[in-house]
Amino acid sequence: MGTSGPTRGPGKTAGGQGKNLSPVQGAQQAEQRLGKPCYHAGQKVPGIYACVTCQFRINNRGTLPACPDCGEIIWAYMGDGPRPVPEGETAPAPATEAPPARATEEQVALEPTVQEPVKVEEGIKLEP
C-alpha cells in the first residue's frame, strides 16, 4: 500500500521541514541551514542545482521544476561564483564595507581581574 506520485510540494514540505511554508520561506530556511544559495520551483535561474531532500542534481536552463525523484520544490545552487539572480528579480545591493579591524598588539601583559570568592551553599530551595 504505497502512494503514487510525489508526496511533497508547495506548502507541504518546502525545504524538507514538514511545515506549512511558502516556497520563498522554504528556500530561505534551506539556505540558512545549508549555507548555499537556494531557490524554489518556478524560478527561472540557470545553473547546476541539487534537491535539498534527495540530492538529485539537474543542470537547469529554464524554470526550476519540482524534483522528479521526490517531488521537493527547493533546490540548492551547486555552482561556483556569484549568487545567481532569478530572471525578473534584481541583484541585492552590494554589502557595505566592513568596519576597519581593531589594531592588535602582541606581547601585552594582561592583568588578572579581581574576583570575589565563590560561596557554595547546599540544600537551598529555589521555589517558595
C-alpha atoms as a PDB file:
ATOM      1  CA  MET A   1       0.000   0.000   0.000  1.00  0.00           C
ATOM      2  CA  GLY A   2       2.054   2.888  -1.214  1.00  0.00           C
ATOM      3  CA  THR A   3       1.200   6.254  -2.593  1.00  0.00           C
ATOM      4  CA  SER A   4       1.607   7.049  -6.217  1.00  0.00           C
ATOM      5  CA  GLY A   5       3.371  10.200  -7.306  1.00  0.00           C
ATOM      6  CA  PRO A   6       5.267  12.764  -5.292  1.00  0.00           C
ATOM      7  CA  THR A   7       4.124  13.410  -1.752  1.00  0.00           C
ATOM      8  CA  ARG A   8       5.831  16.772  -1.388  1.00  0.00           C
ATOM      9  CA  GLY A   9       5.046  20.125  -2.860  1.00  0.00           C
ATOM     10  CA  PRO A  10       4.387  23.801  -2.203  1.00  0.00           C
ATOM     11  CA  GLY A  11       3.400  24.481   1.376  1.00  0.00           C
ATOM     12  CA  LYS A  12       3.651  20.819   2.338  1.00  0.00           C
ATOM     13  CA  THR A  13       7.341  20.175   2.879  1.00  0.00           C
ATOM     14  CA  ALA A  14       9.105  23.149   1.362  1.00  0.00           C
ATOM     15  CA  GLY A  15      12.742  22.802   2.340  1.00  0.00           C
ATOM     16  CA  GLY A  16      12.190  19.321   3.752  1.00  0.00           C
ATOM     17  CA  GLN A  17      10.944  20.722   7.062  1.00  0.00           C
ATOM     18  CA  GLY A  18       7.392  19.300   7.086  1.00  0.00           C
ATOM     19  CA  LYS A  19       5.995  22.737   7.943  1.00  0.00           C
ATOM     20  CA  ASN A  20       3.483  24.862   6.102  1.00  0.00           C
ATOM     21  CA  LEU A  21       5.918  27.286   4.498  1.00  0.00           C
ATOM     22  CA  SER A  22       5.675  29.323   1.350  1.00  0.00           C
ATOM     23  CA  PRO A  23       8.192  28.352  -1.341  1.00  0.00           C
ATOM     24  CA  VAL A  24      10.131  31.555  -0.622  1.00  0.00           C
ATOM     25  CA  GLN A  25      10.266  30.792   3.120  1.00  0.00           C
ATOM     26  CA  GLY A  26      11.328  27.211   2.409  1.00  0.00           C
ATOM     27  CA  ALA A  27      14.169  28.403   0.183  1.00  0.00           C
ATOM     28  CA  GLN A  28      15.297  30.949   2.787  1.00  0.00           C
ATOM     29  CA  GLN A  29      15.231  28.360   5.557  1.00  0.00           C
ATOM     30  CA  ALA A  30      17.160  25.820   3.453  1.00  0.00           C
ATOM     31  CA  GLU A  31      19.719  28.498   2.566  1.00  0.00           C
ATOM     32  CA  GLN A  32      20.319  29.271   6.243  1.00  0.00           C
ATOM     33  CA  ARG A  33      20.634  25.576   7.047  1.00  0.00           C
ATOM     34  CA  LEU A  34      22.909  24.647   4.108  1.00  0.00           C
ATOM     35  CA  GLY A  35      24.908  27.841   3.640  1.00  0.00           C
ATOM     36  CA  LYS A  36      24.284  27.731  -0.128  1.00  0.00           C
ATOM     37  CA  PRO A  37      22.000  29.860  -2.284  1.00  0.00           C
ATOM     38  CA  CYS A  38      18.608  28.108  -2.523  1.00  0.00           C
ATOM     39  CA  TYR A  39      15.729  28.617  -4.926  1.00  0.00           C
ATOM     40  CA  HIS A  40      12.235  27.195  -5.344  1.00  0.00           C
ATOM     41  CA  ALA A  41      10.401  25.573  -8.221  1.00  0.00           C
ATOM     42  CA  GLY A  42       9.044  28.166 -10.628  1.00  0.00           C
ATOM     43  CA  GLN A  43      12.049  30.482 -10.504  1.00  0.00           C
ATOM     44  CA  LYS A  44      13.913  30.897 -13.797  1.00  0.00           C
ATOM     45  CA  VAL A  45      17.570  30.647 -12.885  1.00  0.00           C
ATOM     46  CA  PRO A  46      20.215  28.731 -14.852  1.00  0.00           C
ATOM     47  CA  GLY A  47      22.917  26.590 -13.244  1.00  0.00           C
ATOM     48  CA  ILE A  48      23.604  23.285 -11.538  1.00  0.00           C
ATOM     49  CA  TYR A  49      21.222  22.526  -8.664  1.00  0.00           C
ATOM     50  CA  ALA A  50      20.715  19.729  -6.135  1.00  0.00           C
ATOM     51  CA  CYS A  51      17.430  18.832  -4.480  1.00  0.00           C
ATOM     52  CA  VAL A  52      17.664  19.681  -0.777  1.00  0.00           C
ATOM     53  CA  THR A  53      15.888  16.451   0.146  1.00  0.00           C
ATOM     54  CA  CYS A  54      17.304  13.676  -2.054  1.00  0.00           C
ATOM     55  CA  GLN A  55      20.318  15.443  -3.680  1.00  0.00           C
ATOM     56  CA  PHE A  56      19.038  14.712  -7.216  1.00  0.00           C
ATOM     57  CA  ARG A  57      21.066  17.008  -9.493  1.00  0.00           C
ATOM     58  CA  ILE A  58      19.993  18.937 -12.549  1.00  0.00           C
ATOM     59  CA  ASN A  59      21.645  21.328 -14.998  1.00  0.00           C
ATOM     60  CA  ASN A  60      18.860  23.863 -15.224  1.00  0.00           C
ATOM     61  CA  ARG A  61      18.463  26.170 -18.214  1.00  0.00           C
ATOM     62  CA  GLY A  62      14.904  27.333 -17.673  1.00  0.00           C
ATOM     63  CA  THR A  63      12.398  27.363 -14.843  1.00  0.00           C
ATOM     64  CA  LEU A  64      13.230  25.163 -11.853  1.00  0.00           C
ATOM     65  CA  PRO A  65      10.874  22.167 -11.684  1.00  0.00           C
ATOM     66  CA  ALA A  66       9.757  20.118  -8.713  1.00  0.00           C
ATOM     67  CA  CYS A  67      12.282  17.327  -8.114  1.00  0.00           C
ATOM     68  CA  PRO A  68      11.465  14.450 -10.487  1.00  0.00           C
ATOM     69  CA  ASP A  69      12.774  11.967  -7.901  1.00  0.00           C
ATOM     70  CA  CYS A  70      10.998  13.012  -4.683  1.00  0.00           C
ATOM     71  CA  GLY A  71       8.758  15.979  -5.514  1.00  0.00           C
ATOM     72  CA  GLU A  72      10.656  18.533  -3.372  1.00  0.00           C
ATOM     73  CA  ILE A  73      10.411  22.132  -4.593  1.00  0.00           C
ATOM     74  CA  ILE A  74      13.573  23.606  -3.030  1.00  0.00           C
ATOM     75  CA  TRP A  75      16.901  23.468  -4.884  1.00  0.00           C
ATOM     76  CA  ALA A  76      20.415  24.378  -3.674  1.00  0.00           C
ATOM     77  CA  TYR A  77      22.772  26.084  -6.138  1.00  0.00           C
ATOM     78  CA  MET A  78      25.877  23.912  -6.566  1.00  0.00           C
ATOM     79  CA  GLY A  79      27.882  26.112  -8.940  1.00  0.00           C
ATOM     80  CA  ASP A  80      30.853  28.319  -8.200  1.00  0.00           C
ATOM     81  CA  GLY A  81      30.944  32.065  -8.486  1.00  0.00           C
ATOM     82  CA  PRO A  82      28.487  34.770  -7.541  1.00  0.00           C
ATOM     83  CA  ARG A  83      24.947  34.053  -6.446  1.00  0.00           C
ATOM     84  CA  PRO A  84      22.654  33.661  -9.497  1.00  0.00           C
ATOM     85  CA  VAL A  85      19.823  36.164  -9.807  1.00  0.00           C
ATOM     86  CA  PRO A  86      16.493  34.678 -10.938  1.00  0.00           C
ATOM     87  CA  GLU A  87      15.021  36.191 -14.099  1.00  0.00           C
ATOM     88  CA  GLY A  88      12.740  39.094 -13.246  1.00  0.00           C
ATOM     89  CA  GLU A  89      14.478  39.864  -9.953  1.00  0.00           C
ATOM     90  CA  THR A  90      17.171  42.406  -9.240  1.00  0.00           C
ATOM     91  CA  ALA A  91      20.509  41.629  -7.654  1.00  0.00           C
ATOM     92  CA  PRO A  92      20.741  42.598  -3.983  1.00  0.00           C
ATOM     93  CA  ALA A  93      22.671  45.752  -3.230  1.00  0.00           C
ATOM     94  CA  PRO A  94      26.345  45.118  -2.573  1.00  0.00           C
ATOM     95  CA  ALA A  95      27.192  44.810   1.088  1.00  0.00           C
ATOM     96  CA  THR A  96      28.641  47.875   2.701  1.00  0.00           C
ATOM     97  CA  GLU A  97      32.262  47.750   3.666  1.00  0.00           C
ATOM     98  CA  ALA A  98      33.031  46.106   6.968  1.00  0.00           C
ATOM     99  CA  PRO A  99      34.269  48.409   9.712  1.00  0.00           C
ATOM    100  CA  PRO A 100      38.038  48.565   9.960  1.00  0.00           C
ATOM    101  CA  ALA A 101      39.555  45.842  12.100  1.00  0.00           C
ATOM    102  CA  ARG A 102      40.874  46.772  15.507  1.00  0.00           C
ATOM    103  CA  ALA A 103      44.598  47.053  15.832  1.00  0.00           C
ATOM    104  CA  THR A 104      46.186  44.091  17.536  1.00  0.00           C
ATOM    105  CA  GLU A 105      49.111  44.200  19.891  1.00  0.00           C
ATOM    106  CA  GLU A 106      51.436  41.353  20.668  1.00  0.00           C
ATOM    107  CA  GLN A 107      53.259  40.628  23.901  1.00  0.00           C
ATOM    108  CA  VAL A 108      50.783  42.606  26.023  1.00  0.00           C
ATOM    109  CA  ALA A 109      50.613  41.620  29.686  1.00  0.00           C
ATOM    110  CA  LEU A 110      47.073  41.001  30.842  1.00  0.00           C
ATOM    111  CA  GLU A 111      46.375  41.853  34.416  1.00  0.00           C
ATOM    112  CA  PRO A 112      44.183  39.425  36.307  1.00  0.00           C
ATOM    113  CA  THR A 113      40.791  40.727  37.280  1.00  0.00           C
ATOM    114  CA  VAL A 114      39.947  40.744  40.954  1.00  0.00           C
ATOM    115  CA  GLN A 115      37.111  38.344  41.683  1.00  0.00           C
ATOM    116  CA  GLU A 116      35.371  37.725  44.939  1.00  0.00           C
ATOM    117  CA  PRO A 117      35.497  34.148  46.183  1.00  0.00           C
ATOM    118  CA  VAL A 118      32.557  31.965  45.257  1.00  0.00           C
ATOM    119  CA  LYS A 119      30.372  30.860  48.160  1.00  0.00           C
ATOM    120  CA  VAL A 120      28.758  27.423  47.736  1.00  0.00           C
ATOM    121  CA  GLU A 121      25.701  26.535  49.791  1.00  0.00           C
ATOM    122  CA  GLU A 122      23.863  23.247  49.690  1.00  0.00           C
ATOM    123  CA  GLY A 123      20.241  22.436  50.399  1.00  0.00           C
ATOM    124  CA  ILE A 124      18.755  25.708  49.120  1.00  0.00           C
ATOM    125  CA  LYS A 125      15.235  25.522  47.651  1.00  0.00           C
ATOM    126  CA  LEU A 126      14.731  27.679  44.577  1.00  0.00           C
ATOM    127  CA  GLU A 127      10.940  27.681  44.670  1.00  0.00           C
ATOM    128  CA  PRO A 128       8.876  29.003  47.624  1.00  0.00           C
END
